[in-house]
Amino acid sequence: MRSSGPPSPERFASGQGRGDDGRVRLAYGCMGLGSGSPHPTEEDVDRAEQAVLAAYELGIRQFDHADNYGAGSAETVFGRVLKRHPGLRETLTIQTKCGIVLGGAPDAEPHGGNAYDLSHEAILTAVAGSLERLGIDHVDRLLLHRPDPLMVAEEVADAFDTLYRDGRVVGFGVSNMGAAQMAHLARALRRPIEVDQVELSLAHRDLIEAGVLVNHAGASTSVGSLGTLEHCVSEAITIQAYGSLAQGRYTGARPTSDADRATAGLVGKYAAELGTTPESVVVGWLLRHPAMIVAVVGTTSPERIRACGDAEHVAAAMSREQWWSLWTTARGEPVP
């Protein structure tokens, strides 16, 4: 059954429903859309439509895909949502990712495995497939999904140039890359790296903790993250944080540790004090960081999507004491 009361094409054309300044520091992650089948059902499209429209009503205009999400079905159902709503595409920033090859190591023991491929031909082929599934003629941004140890930076640069020249991709970025990897790639590129999409949340804090644990024994667990946030800020690379809701471990999912239980309690306490939802507190904790992080919200529940709508206001209202209390509680121990 279709979602009730979807926005009209006129609303899409006028841009109504945006935040006060026309943009919000939230993106919607489309990984959960689709079913993993190459032939999604109308019910799959209905569920995707409800999530997309809930995000749109919050003012979200950035929608994040990857060619392997749902084995391609996430892009397919999103494309069918666009067909249901003429005019919607023109109001959105659509990005997708390439580079993960499902089953790309078939002879690996014991059960095969995936691989990464950022060769020139693989990038071009992946984008062609994404555009076909999405039913559009270009994406606004293409991200390299994972670092490929066999990557030749000059090949990537040539692929980016071809896609840009042909009008199939407007901008470019990376995902899951550290500072040194971005610097290495940037030396070959003729266009800037606009985005680094990384896992970052109150539960997955390595990128933030790396800078605090310098010269401390605990630094060994986060040394690969050291300098990534600082590099992105210095080079005007937007940090997109996926997993920003921490898989619900502080807002409804069953806690798995004493630290999780204590953090969920503190999140609830601050939500009550700030007059908001626990989800907005968890996402607001990220947005409170001065790096101007964009939080990627990936839940498919329209209710949980809407529950994130106050995150920017929470970030503005959250005190240093509250921010540090959440971090320390989630760590389960004080910082050094």
C-alpha atoms as a PDB file:
ATOM      1  CA  MET A   1       0.000   0.000   0.000  1.00  0.00           C
ATOM      2  CA  ARG A   2       1.284   3.458  -0.895  1.00  0.00           C
ATOM      3  CA  SER A   3       2.334   5.861   1.834  1.00  0.00           C
ATOM      4  CA  SER A   4      -0.488   8.204   2.767  1.00  0.00           C
ATOM      5  CA  GLY A   5      -0.410  11.863   1.857  1.00  0.00           C
ATOM      6  CA  PRO A   6       2.917  12.097  -0.043  1.00  0.00           C
ATOM      7  CA  PRO A   7       4.163  15.581  -0.873  1.00  0.00           C
ATOM      8  CA  SER A   8       2.923  16.920  -4.175  1.00  0.00           C
ATOM      9  CA  PRO A   9       5.125  17.468  -7.246  1.00  0.00           C
ATOM     10  CA  GLU A  10       4.589  21.193  -6.672  1.00  0.00           C
ATOM     11  CA  ARG A  11       6.224  20.905  -3.269  1.00  0.00           C
ATOM     12  CA  PHE A  12       9.240  19.160  -4.807  1.00  0.00           C
ATOM     13  CA  ALA A  13       9.513  21.883  -7.401  1.00  0.00           C
ATOM     14  CA  SER A  14       9.292  24.691  -4.854  1.00  0.00           C
ATOM     15  CA  GLY A  15      11.678  23.172  -2.339  1.00  0.00           C
ATOM     16  CA  GLN A  16       9.154  23.340   0.514  1.00  0.00           C
ATOM     17  CA  GLY A  17       9.932  21.069   3.420  1.00  0.00           C
ATOM     18  CA  ARG A  18      13.568  22.135   3.641  1.00  0.00           C
ATOM     19  CA  GLY A  19      15.188  23.374   6.817  1.00  0.00           C
ATOM     20  CA  ASP A  20      15.211  27.106   7.515  1.00  0.00           C
ATOM     21  CA  ASP A  21      18.409  27.612   5.530  1.00  0.00           C
ATOM     22  CA  GLY A  22      17.454  25.157   2.773  1.00  0.00           C
ATOM     23  CA  ARG A  23      19.705  22.365   4.009  1.00  0.00           C
ATOM     24  CA  VAL A  24      20.263  20.158   7.039  1.00  0.00           C
ATOM     25  CA  ARG A  25      23.322  18.348   8.291  1.00  0.00           C
ATOM     26  CA  LEU A  26      21.650  14.988   7.825  1.00  0.00           C
ATOM     27  CA  ALA A  27      21.788  12.585   4.904  1.00  0.00           C
ATOM     28  CA  TYR A  28      19.693   9.502   4.358  1.00  0.00           C
ATOM     29  CA  GLY A  29      21.538   6.214   3.916  1.00  0.00           C
ATOM     30  CA  CYS A  30      19.692   3.892   1.538  1.00  0.00           C
ATOM     31  CA  MET A  31      21.468   0.641   2.471  1.00  0.00           C
ATOM     32  CA  GLY A  32      18.332  -0.820   4.065  1.00  0.00           C
ATOM     33  CA  LEU A  33      16.100  -0.200   1.062  1.00  0.00           C
ATOM     34  CA  GLY A  34      15.324  -3.061  -1.290  1.00  0.00           C
ATOM     35  CA  SER A  35      15.315  -6.754  -0.527  1.00  0.00           C
ATOM     36  CA  GLY A  36      18.476  -8.226  -2.017  1.00  0.00           C
ATOM     37  CA  SER A  37      16.468  -9.510  -4.978  1.00  0.00           C
ATOM     38  CA  PRO A  38      17.170  -8.219  -8.497  1.00  0.00           C
ATOM     39  CA  HIS A  39      13.402  -7.993  -8.930  1.00  0.00           C
ATOM     40  CA  PRO A  40      12.020  -6.021  -5.958  1.00  0.00           C
ATOM     41  CA  THR A  41       8.297  -6.080  -5.335  1.00  0.00           C
ATOM     42  CA  GLU A  42       5.817  -3.226  -5.125  1.00  0.00           C
ATOM     43  CA  GLU A  43       5.831  -3.758  -1.356  1.00  0.00           C
ATOM     44  CA  ASP A  44       9.606  -3.145  -1.378  1.00  0.00           C
ATOM     45  CA  VAL A  45       9.030   0.099  -3.268  1.00  0.00           C
ATOM     46  CA  ASP A  46       6.240   1.121  -0.873  1.00  0.00           C
ATOM     47  CA  ARG A  47       8.551   0.686   2.140  1.00  0.00           C
ATOM     48  CA  ALA A  48      11.314   2.628   0.418  1.00  0.00           C
ATOM     49  CA  GLU A  49       8.886   5.406  -0.506  1.00  0.00           C
ATOM     50  CA  GLN A  50       7.747   5.804   3.101  1.00  0.00           C
ATOM     51  CA  ALA A  51      11.339   6.117   4.316  1.00  0.00           C
ATOM     52  CA  VAL A  52      12.375   8.514   1.539  1.00  0.00           C
ATOM     53  CA  LEU A  53       9.388  10.801   2.094  1.00  0.00           C
ATOM     54  CA  ALA A  54       9.916  10.801   5.863  1.00  0.00           C
ATOM     55  CA  ALA A  55      13.508  11.918   5.300  1.00  0.00           C
ATOM     56  CA  TYR A  56      12.408  14.526   2.759  1.00  0.00           C
ATOM     57  CA  GLU A  57       9.913  16.038   5.166  1.00  0.00           C
ATOM     58  CA  LEU A  58      12.760  16.609   7.653  1.00  0.00           C
ATOM     59  CA  GLY A  59      14.595  18.665   5.046  1.00  0.00           C
ATOM     60  CA  ILE A  60      17.010  15.892   4.067  1.00  0.00           C
ATOM     61  CA  ARG A  61      18.135  16.298   0.473  1.00  0.00           C
ATOM     62  CA  GLN A  62      21.230  14.085   0.379  1.00  0.00           C
ATOM     63  CA  PHE A  63      20.570  10.404  -0.370  1.00  0.00           C
ATOM     64  CA  ASP A  64      23.417   7.934  -0.144  1.00  0.00           C
ATOM     65  CA  HIS A  65      23.620   4.707  -2.173  1.00  0.00           C
ATOM     66  CA  ALA A  66      26.139   2.058  -3.157  1.00  0.00           C
ATOM     67  CA  ASP A  67      26.061  -0.351  -6.055  1.00  0.00           C
ATOM     68  CA  ASN A  68      26.184  -3.329  -3.671  1.00  0.00           C
ATOM     69  CA  TYR A  69      23.415  -2.258  -1.266  1.00  0.00           C
ATOM     70  CA  GLY A  70      20.824  -4.984  -1.365  1.00  0.00           C
ATOM     71  CA  ALA A  71      22.849  -6.504  -4.223  1.00  0.00           C
ATOM     72  CA  GLY A  72      21.720  -3.503  -6.289  1.00  0.00           C
ATOM     73  CA  SER A  73      18.071  -3.596  -5.241  1.00  0.00           C
ATOM     74  CA  ALA A  74      18.372  -0.464  -3.061  1.00  0.00           C
ATOM     75  CA  GLU A  75      19.153   1.631  -6.134  1.00  0.00           C
ATOM     76  CA  THR A  76      16.393  -0.112  -8.097  1.00  0.00           C
ATOM     77  CA  VAL A  77      13.626   0.634  -5.590  1.00  0.00           C
ATOM     78  CA  PHE A  78      14.866   4.204  -5.150  1.00  0.00           C
ATOM     79  CA  GLY A  79      14.658   4.675  -8.904  1.00  0.00           C
ATOM     80  CA  ARG A  80      11.077   3.461  -8.829  1.00  0.00           C
ATOM     81  CA  VAL A  81      10.277   5.900  -6.021  1.00  0.00           C
ATOM     82  CA  LEU A  82      11.625   8.697  -8.223  1.00  0.00           C
ATOM     83  CA  LYS A  83       9.300   7.587 -11.013  1.00  0.00           C
ATOM     84  CA  ARG A  84       6.334   7.766  -8.653  1.00  0.00           C
ATOM     85  CA  HIS A  85       7.159  11.397  -7.824  1.00  0.00           C
ATOM     86  CA  PRO A  86       7.976  13.519 -10.861  1.00  0.00           C
ATOM     87  CA  GLY A  87      10.059  16.505  -9.876  1.00  0.00           C
ATOM     88  CA  LEU A  88      11.627  14.842  -6.847  1.00  0.00           C
ATOM     89  CA  ARG A  89      14.961  14.074  -8.527  1.00  0.00           C
ATOM     90  CA  GLU A  90      15.662  17.730  -9.261  1.00  0.00           C
ATOM     91  CA  THR A  91      15.535  18.602  -5.550  1.00  0.00           C
ATOM     92  CA  LEU A  92      17.966  15.903  -4.361  1.00  0.00           C
ATOM     93  CA  THR A  93      21.682  15.284  -4.134  1.00  0.00           C
ATOM     94  CA  ILE A  94      22.143  11.613  -5.021  1.00  0.00           C
ATOM     95  CA  GLN A  95      25.454   9.936  -4.385  1.00  0.00           C
ATOM     96  CA  THR A  96      26.499   6.354  -4.860  1.00  0.00           C
ATOM     97  CA  LYS A  97      29.570   4.283  -4.130  1.00  0.00           C
ATOM     98  CA  CYS A  98      31.538   1.695  -6.062  1.00  0.00           C
ATOM     99  CA  GLY A  99      34.426  -0.680  -5.461  1.00  0.00           C
ATOM    100  CA  ILE A 100      33.063  -3.629  -3.447  1.00  0.00           C
ATOM    101  CA  VAL A 101      32.815  -6.792  -5.533  1.00  0.00           C
ATOM    102  CA  LEU A 102      30.461  -9.254  -3.872  1.00  0.00           C
ATOM    103  CA  GLY A 103      31.936 -12.751  -4.212  1.00  0.00           C
ATOM    104  CA  GLY A 104      35.056 -11.313  -5.838  1.00  0.00           C
ATOM    105  CA  ALA A 105      37.329 -13.875  -4.147  1.00  0.00           C
ATOM    106  CA  PRO A 106      35.454 -17.082  -5.060  1.00  0.00           C
ATOM    107  CA  ASP A 107      38.333 -19.459  -4.379  1.00  0.00           C
ATOM    108  CA  ALA A 108      39.051 -18.151  -0.891  1.00  0.00           C
ATOM    109  CA  GLU A 109      38.709 -20.747   1.836  1.00  0.00           C
ATOM    110  CA  PRO A 110      36.506 -21.764   3.482  1.00  0.00           C
ATOM    111  CA  HIS A 111      33.544 -20.056   1.812  1.00  0.00           C
ATOM    112  CA  GLY A 112      34.846 -17.549  -0.680  1.00  0.00           C
ATOM    113  CA  GLY A 113      34.814 -13.817  -0.015  1.00  0.00           C
ATOM    114  CA  ASN A 114      34.373 -10.318  -1.345  1.00  0.00           C
ATOM    115  CA  ALA A 115      37.029  -8.158  -2.985  1.00  0.00           C
ATOM    116  CA  TYR A 116      37.606  -4.494  -3.824  1.00  0.00           C
ATOM    117  CA  ASP A 117      38.168  -3.248  -7.373  1.00  0.00           C
ATOM    118  CA  LEU A 118      38.929   0.399  -8.134  1.00  0.00           C
ATOM    119  CA  SER A 119      40.394  -0.189 -11.571  1.00  0.00           C
ATOM    120  CA  HIS A 120      39.476   2.194 -14.377  1.00  0.00           C
ATOM    121  CA  GLU A 121      37.113  -0.224 -16.105  1.00  0.00           C
ATOM    122  CA  ALA A 122      35.477  -1.377 -12.883  1.00  0.00           C
ATOM    123  CA  ILE A 123      34.612   2.200 -11.879  1.00  0.00           C
ATOM    124  CA  LEU A 124      33.062   2.996 -15.263  1.00  0.00           C
ATOM    125  CA  THR A 125      31.094  -0.266 -15.307  1.00  0.00           C
ATOM    126  CA  ALA A 126      29.805   0.276 -11.766  1.00  0.00           C
ATOM    127  CA  VAL A 127      28.559   3.791 -12.521  1.00  0.00           C
ATOM    128  CA  ALA A 128      26.776   2.611 -15.651  1.00  0.00           C
ATOM    129  CA  GLY A 129      24.970  -0.022 -13.599  1.00  0.00           C
ATOM    130  CA  SER A 130      24.018   2.430 -10.868  1.00  0.00           C
ATOM    131  CA  LEU A 131      22.600   4.954 -13.334  1.00  0.00           C
ATOM    132  CA  GLU A 132      20.526   2.239 -15.006  1.00  0.00           C
ATOM    133  CA  ARG A 133      19.106   1.001 -11.693  1.00  0.00           C
ATOM    134  CA  LEU A 134      18.403   4.521 -10.430  1.00  0.00           C
ATOM    135  CA  GLY A 135      16.838   5.520 -13.735  1.00  0.00           C
ATOM    136  CA  ILE A 136      18.764   8.801 -13.918  1.00  0.00           C
ATOM    137  CA  ASP A 137      21.379  10.227 -16.271  1.00  0.00           C
ATOM    138  CA  HIS A 138      23.908  11.316 -13.649  1.00  0.00           C
ATOM    139  CA  VAL A 139      24.759  11.123  -9.966  1.00  0.00           C
ATOM    140  CA  ASP A 140      25.775  14.206  -8.068  1.00  0.00           C
ATOM    141  CA  ARG A 141      28.656  12.444  -6.352  1.00  0.00           C
ATOM    142  CA  LEU A 142      30.564   9.166  -6.657  1.00  0.00           C
ATOM    143  CA  LEU A 143      32.469   7.738  -3.688  1.00  0.00           C
ATOM    144  CA  LEU A 144      35.109   5.018  -3.692  1.00  0.00           C
ATOM    145  CA  HIS A 145      33.600   2.578  -1.198  1.00  0.00           C
ATOM    146  CA  ARG A 146      36.695   0.905   0.274  1.00  0.00           C
ATOM    147  CA  PRO A 147      40.442   1.293  -0.248  1.00  0.00           C
ATOM    148  CA  ASP A 148      41.651  -1.174  -2.882  1.00  0.00           C
ATOM    149  CA  PRO A 149      45.250  -2.287  -2.187  1.00  0.00           C
ATOM    150  CA  LEU A 150      45.711  -2.821  -5.953  1.00  0.00           C
ATOM    151  CA  MET A 151      44.441   0.671  -6.782  1.00  0.00           C
ATOM    152  CA  VAL A 152      46.513   2.802  -9.149  1.00  0.00           C
ATOM    153  CA  ALA A 153      45.706   6.417  -8.345  1.00  0.00           C
ATOM    154  CA  GLU A 154      46.250   7.572 -11.930  1.00  0.00           C
ATOM    155  CA  GLU A 155      43.676   5.031 -13.161  1.00  0.00           C
ATOM    156  CA  VAL A 156      41.135   6.396 -10.707  1.00  0.00           C
ATOM    157  CA  ALA A 157      41.897   9.943 -11.854  1.00  0.00           C
ATOM    158  CA  ASP A 158      41.363   8.986 -15.497  1.00  0.00           C
ATOM    159  CA  ALA A 159      38.060   7.281 -14.654  1.00  0.00           C
ATOM    160  CA  PHE A 160      36.894  10.347 -12.735  1.00  0.00           C
ATOM    161  CA  ASP A 161      37.849  12.582 -15.660  1.00  0.00           C
ATOM    162  CA  THR A 162      35.879  10.427 -18.103  1.00  0.00           C
ATOM    163  CA  LEU A 163      32.778  10.369 -15.887  1.00  0.00           C
ATOM    164  CA  TYR A 164      32.927  14.113 -15.283  1.00  0.00           C
ATOM    165  CA  ARG A 165      33.506  14.948 -18.958  1.00  0.00           C
ATOM    166  CA  ASP A 166      30.599  12.723 -20.004  1.00  0.00           C
ATOM    167  CA  GLY A 167      28.302  14.348 -17.442  1.00  0.00           C
ATOM    168  CA  ARG A 168      27.610  11.105 -15.586  1.00  0.00           C
ATOM    169  CA  VAL A 169      29.162  12.283 -12.288  1.00  0.00           C
ATOM    170  CA  VAL A 170      29.392  15.832 -10.942  1.00  0.00           C
ATOM    171  CA  GLY A 171      31.602  15.400  -7.869  1.00  0.00           C
ATOM    172  CA  PHE A 172      33.761  12.777  -6.200  1.00  0.00           C
ATOM    173  CA  GLY A 173      34.693  11.450  -2.793  1.00  0.00           C
ATOM    174  CA  VAL A 174      35.865   8.431  -0.835  1.00  0.00           C
ATOM    175  CA  SER A 175      34.652   6.220   1.960  1.00  0.00           C
ATOM    176  CA  ASN A 176      36.540   4.464   4.762  1.00  0.00           C
ATOM    177  CA  MET A 177      39.830   6.162   3.909  1.00  0.00           C
ATOM    178  CA  GLY A 178      42.351   7.657   6.302  1.00  0.00           C
ATOM    179  CA  ALA A 179      44.336  10.851   5.918  1.00  0.00           C
ATOM    180  CA  ALA A 180      47.375   9.293   4.217  1.00  0.00           C
ATOM    181  CA  GLN A 181      45.223   7.387   1.720  1.00  0.00           C
ATOM    182  CA  MET A 182      43.317  10.525   0.767  1.00  0.00           C
ATOM    183  CA  ALA A 183      46.522  12.522   0.401  1.00  0.00           C
ATOM    184  CA  HIS A 184      48.017   9.812  -1.824  1.00  0.00           C
ATOM    185  CA  LEU A 185      44.951   9.722  -4.071  1.00  0.00           C
ATOM    186  CA  ALA A 186      44.553  13.502  -4.186  1.00  0.00           C
ATOM    187  CA  ARG A 187      48.010  13.908  -5.741  1.00  0.00           C
ATOM    188  CA  ALA A 188      46.744  12.186  -8.892  1.00  0.00           C
ATOM    189  CA  LEU A 189      43.254  13.674  -9.090  1.00  0.00           C
ATOM    190  CA  ARG A 190      42.311  16.696 -11.172  1.00  0.00           C
ATOM    191  CA  ARG A 191      39.158  17.279  -9.110  1.00  0.00           C
ATOM    192  CA  PRO A 192      38.914  17.626  -5.334  1.00  0.00           C
ATOM    193  CA  ILE A 193      37.886  14.930  -2.887  1.00  0.00           C
ATOM    194  CA  GLU A 194      34.625  16.373  -1.557  1.00  0.00           C
ATOM    195  CA  VAL A 195      33.618  13.757   1.012  1.00  0.00           C
ATOM    196  CA  ASP A 196      35.048  11.036   3.238  1.00  0.00           C
ATOM    197  CA  GLN A 197      32.264   8.776   4.481  1.00  0.00           C
ATOM    198  CA  VAL A 198      33.315   6.868   7.605  1.00  0.00           C
ATOM    199  CA  GLU A 199      31.690   4.962  10.424  1.00  0.00           C
ATOM    200  CA  LEU A 200      31.388   7.359  13.316  1.00  0.00           C
ATOM    201  CA  SER A 201      28.981   7.457  16.245  1.00  0.00           C
ATOM    202  CA  LEU A 202      28.782   7.524  20.007  1.00  0.00           C
ATOM    203  CA  ALA A 203      29.439   3.770  19.827  1.00  0.00           C
ATOM    204  CA  HIS A 204      32.155   3.874  17.133  1.00  0.00           C
ATOM    205  CA  ARG A 205      34.424   6.673  18.308  1.00  0.00           C
ATOM    206  CA  ASP A 206      37.854   5.743  16.892  1.00  0.00           C
ATOM    207  CA  LEU A 207      38.250   8.808  14.669  1.00  0.00           C
ATOM    208  CA  ILE A 208      37.680  11.101  17.642  1.00  0.00           C
ATOM    209  CA  GLU A 209      39.518   9.033  20.236  1.00  0.00           C
ATOM    210  CA  ALA A 210      42.616   8.686  18.032  1.00  0.00           C
ATOM    211  CA  GLY A 211      43.581  12.287  18.690  1.00  0.00           C
ATOM    212  CA  VAL A 212      43.017  12.016  22.434  1.00  0.00           C
ATOM    213  CA  LEU A 213      44.992   8.797  22.905  1.00  0.00           C
ATOM    214  CA  VAL A 214      48.223  10.051  21.342  1.00  0.00           C
ATOM    215  CA  ASN A 215      51.134   9.058  23.585  1.00  0.00           C
ATOM    216  CA  HIS A 216      48.934   6.626  25.484  1.00  0.00           C
ATOM    217  CA  ALA A 217      48.938   2.826  25.534  1.00  0.00           C
ATOM    218  CA  GLY A 218      45.373   2.728  24.207  1.00  0.00           C
ATOM    219  CA  ALA A 219      46.449   4.464  20.992  1.00  0.00           C
ATOM    220  CA  SER A 220      47.303   1.134  19.331  1.00  0.00           C
ATOM    221  CA  THR A 221      43.623   0.381  18.726  1.00  0.00           C
ATOM    222  CA  SER A 222      42.954   3.626  16.864  1.00  0.00           C
ATOM    223  CA  VAL A 223      46.305   4.530  15.310  1.00  0.00           C
ATOM    224  CA  GLY A 224      44.933   4.046  11.774  1.00  0.00           C
ATOM    225  CA  SER A 225      42.378   6.788  12.405  1.00  0.00           C
ATOM    226  CA  LEU A 226      44.883   9.346  13.634  1.00  0.00           C
ATOM    227  CA  GLY A 227      44.678  12.655  11.802  1.00  0.00           C
ATOM    228  CA  THR A 228      41.729  11.737   9.576  1.00  0.00           C
ATOM    229  CA  LEU A 229      39.316  14.289  11.040  1.00  0.00           C
ATOM    230  CA  GLU A 230      41.973  16.971  11.068  1.00  0.00           C
ATOM    231  CA  HIS A 231      42.956  16.238   7.460  1.00  0.00           C
ATOM    232  CA  CYS A 232      39.346  16.491   6.311  1.00  0.00           C
ATOM    233  CA  VAL A 233      38.817  19.812   8.083  1.00  0.00           C
ATOM    234  CA  SER A 234      42.087  21.231   6.711  1.00  0.00           C
ATOM    235  CA  GLU A 235      41.298  20.131   3.137  1.00  0.00           C
ATOM    236  CA  ALA A 236      37.603  21.150   3.233  1.00  0.00           C
ATOM    237  CA  ILE A 237      36.512  17.508   2.881  1.00  0.00           C
ATOM    238  CA  THR A 238      33.054  16.897   4.333  1.00  0.00           C
ATOM    239  CA  ILE A 239      32.918  14.071   6.859  1.00  0.00           C
ATOM    240  CA  GLN A 240      29.824  11.929   6.440  1.00  0.00           C
ATOM    241  CA  ALA A 241      29.207   9.647   9.423  1.00  0.00           C
ATOM    242  CA  TYR A 242      27.443   6.380   8.663  1.00  0.00           C
ATOM    243  CA  GLY A 243      26.097   4.283  11.522  1.00  0.00           C
ATOM    244  CA  SER A 244      25.309   7.566  13.265  1.00  0.00           C
ATOM    245  CA  LEU A 245      22.438   6.057  15.279  1.00  0.00           C
ATOM    246  CA  ALA A 246      24.783   3.364  16.645  1.00  0.00           C
ATOM    247  CA  GLN A 247      22.388   0.630  15.446  1.00  0.00           C
ATOM    248  CA  GLY A 248      19.919   1.746  18.097  1.00  0.00           C
ATOM    249  CA  ARG A 249      21.960   0.417  21.000  1.00  0.00           C
ATOM    250  CA  TYR A 250      21.220   3.555  23.066  1.00  0.00           C
ATOM    251  CA  THR A 251      17.689   4.214  21.822  1.00  0.00           C
ATOM    252  CA  GLY A 252      15.764   0.963  21.972  1.00  0.00           C
ATOM    253  CA  ALA A 253      17.869  -2.003  20.942  1.00  0.00           C
ATOM    254  CA  ARG A 254      18.866  -4.334  23.743  1.00  0.00           C
ATOM    255  CA  PRO A 255      22.090  -3.055  25.372  1.00  0.00           C
ATOM    256  CA  THR A 256      24.988  -5.503  25.222  1.00  0.00           C
ATOM    257  CA  SER A 257      27.128  -4.182  28.079  1.00  0.00           C
ATOM    258  CA  ASP A 258      27.004  -2.206  31.299  1.00  0.00           C
ATOM    259  CA  ALA A 259      28.381   0.792  29.373  1.00  0.00           C
ATOM    260  CA  ASP A 260      25.573   0.512  26.834  1.00  0.00           C
ATOM    261  CA  ARG A 261      22.942   0.402  29.562  1.00  0.00           C
ATOM    262  CA  ALA A 262      24.438   3.390  31.345  1.00  0.00           C
ATOM    263  CA  THR A 263      24.708   5.348  28.097  1.00  0.00           C
ATOM    264  CA  ALA A 264      21.110   4.576  27.122  1.00  0.00           C
ATOM    265  CA  GLY A 265      20.022   5.869  30.519  1.00  0.00           C
ATOM    266  CA  LEU A 266      22.030   9.067  30.127  1.00  0.00           C
ATOM    267  CA  VAL A 267      20.715   9.583  26.582  1.00  0.00           C
ATOM    268  CA  GLY A 268      17.168   9.283  27.941  1.00  0.00           C
ATOM    269  CA  LYS A 269      17.937  11.726  30.743  1.00  0.00           C
ATOM    270  CA  TYR A 270      19.311  14.353  28.365  1.00  0.00           C
ATOM    271  CA  ALA A 271      16.417  13.828  25.944  1.00  0.00           C
ATOM    272  CA  ALA A 272      14.010  14.655  28.758  1.00  0.00           C
ATOM    273  CA  GLU A 273      16.056  17.676  29.851  1.00  0.00           C
ATOM    274  CA  LEU A 274      16.318  19.027  26.296  1.00  0.00           C
ATOM    275  CA  GLY A 275      12.718  18.199  25.396  1.00  0.00           C
ATOM    276  CA  THR A 276      13.633  15.957  22.491  1.00  0.00           C
ATOM    277  CA  THR A 277      14.047  12.331  21.428  1.00  0.00           C
ATOM    278  CA  PRO A 278      16.856   9.915  22.321  1.00  0.00           C
ATOM    279  CA  GLU A 279      17.678   9.606  18.607  1.00  0.00           C
ATOM    280  CA  SER A 280      18.239  13.359  18.325  1.00  0.00           C
ATOM    281  CA  VAL A 281      20.559  13.226  21.342  1.00  0.00           C
ATOM    282  CA  VAL A 282      22.662  10.421  19.818  1.00  0.00           C
ATOM    283  CA  VAL A 283      22.929  12.171  16.452  1.00  0.00           C
ATOM    284  CA  GLY A 284      23.267  15.582  18.091  1.00  0.00           C
ATOM    285  CA  TRP A 285      26.344  14.322  19.960  1.00  0.00           C
ATOM    286  CA  LEU A 286      28.023  13.873  16.564  1.00  0.00           C
ATOM    287  CA  LEU A 287      26.864  17.212  15.203  1.00  0.00           C
ATOM    288  CA  ARG A 288      28.218  18.977  18.296  1.00  0.00           C
ATOM    289  CA  HIS A 289      31.762  18.211  17.063  1.00  0.00           C
ATOM    290  CA  PRO A 290      33.350  21.271  15.378  1.00  0.00           C
ATOM    291  CA  ALA A 291      34.259  19.320  12.230  1.00  0.00           C
ATOM    292  CA  MET A 292      30.733  20.017  10.880  1.00  0.00           C
ATOM    293  CA  ILE A 293      29.994  16.325  10.430  1.00  0.00           C
ATOM    294  CA  VAL A 294      27.029  15.281   8.281  1.00  0.00           C
ATOM    295  CA  ALA A 295      25.216  12.383   9.945  1.00  0.00           C
ATOM    296  CA  VAL A 296      23.971   9.617   7.639  1.00  0.00           C
ATOM    297  CA  VAL A 297      20.732   8.223   9.054  1.00  0.00           C
ATOM    298  CA  GLY A 298      20.168   4.685   7.803  1.00  0.00           C
ATOM    299  CA  THR A 299      17.094   3.398   9.593  1.00  0.00           C
ATOM    300  CA  THR A 300      14.176   2.384   7.380  1.00  0.00           C
ATOM    301  CA  SER A 301      11.624   3.220  10.081  1.00  0.00           C
ATOM    302  CA  PRO A 302       9.810   6.479   9.256  1.00  0.00           C
ATOM    303  CA  GLU A 303       9.248   7.026  12.980  1.00  0.00           C
ATOM    304  CA  ARG A 304      12.961   6.747  13.812  1.00  0.00           C
ATOM    305  CA  ILE A 305      13.865   8.949  10.847  1.00  0.00           C
ATOM    306  CA  ARG A 306      11.520  11.643  12.154  1.00  0.00           C
ATOM    307  CA  ALA A 307      12.954  11.188  15.648  1.00  0.00           C
ATOM    308  CA  CYS A 308      16.295  12.516  14.335  1.00  0.00           C
ATOM    309  CA  GLY A 309      14.784  15.779  13.187  1.00  0.00           C
ATOM    310  CA  ASP A 310      15.828  17.782  16.250  1.00  0.00           C
ATOM    311  CA  ALA A 311      19.508  16.748  16.127  1.00  0.00           C
ATOM    312  CA  GLU A 312      20.886  20.116  15.007  1.00  0.00           C
ATOM    313  CA  HIS A 313      19.004  21.967  17.724  1.00  0.00           C
ATOM    314  CA  VAL A 314      20.247  19.437  20.277  1.00  0.00           C
ATOM    315  CA  ALA A 315      23.817  19.935  19.069  1.00  0.00           C
ATOM    316  CA  ALA A 316      23.469  23.691  19.535  1.00  0.00           C
ATOM    317  CA  ALA A 317      22.011  23.253  23.036  1.00  0.00           C
ATOM    318  CA  MET A 318      24.285  20.456  24.274  1.00  0.00           C
ATOM    319  CA  SER A 319      26.806  21.616  26.854  1.00  0.00           C
ATOM    320  CA  ARG A 320      30.424  20.517  27.000  1.00  0.00           C
ATOM    321  CA  GLU A 321      29.627  18.690  30.225  1.00  0.00           C
ATOM    322  CA  GLN A 322      26.827  16.727  28.589  1.00  0.00           C
ATOM    323  CA  TRP A 323      28.967  15.913  25.543  1.00  0.00           C
ATOM    324  CA  TRP A 324      31.862  14.660  27.661  1.00  0.00           C
ATOM    325  CA  SER A 325      29.557  12.724  29.973  1.00  0.00           C
ATOM    326  CA  LEU A 326      28.056  10.850  27.017  1.00  0.00           C
ATOM    327  CA  TRP A 327      31.484  10.079  25.557  1.00  0.00           C
ATOM    328  CA  THR A 328      32.969   8.901  28.860  1.00  0.00           C
ATOM    329  CA  THR A 329      29.936   6.772  29.689  1.00  0.00           C
ATOM    330  CA  ALA A 330      29.970   5.139  26.248  1.00  0.00           C
ATOM    331  CA  ARG A 331      33.705   4.406  26.619  1.00  0.00           C
ATOM    332  CA  GLY A 332      33.060   2.679  29.915  1.00  0.00           C
ATOM    333  CA  GLU A 333      36.091   4.399  31.424  1.00  0.00           C
ATOM    334  CA  PRO A 334      37.453   7.943  31.714  1.00  0.00           C
ATOM    335  CA  VAL A 335      39.835   9.347  29.128  1.00  0.00           C
ATOM    336  CA  PRO A 336      43.510   9.370  30.247  1.00  0.00           C
END
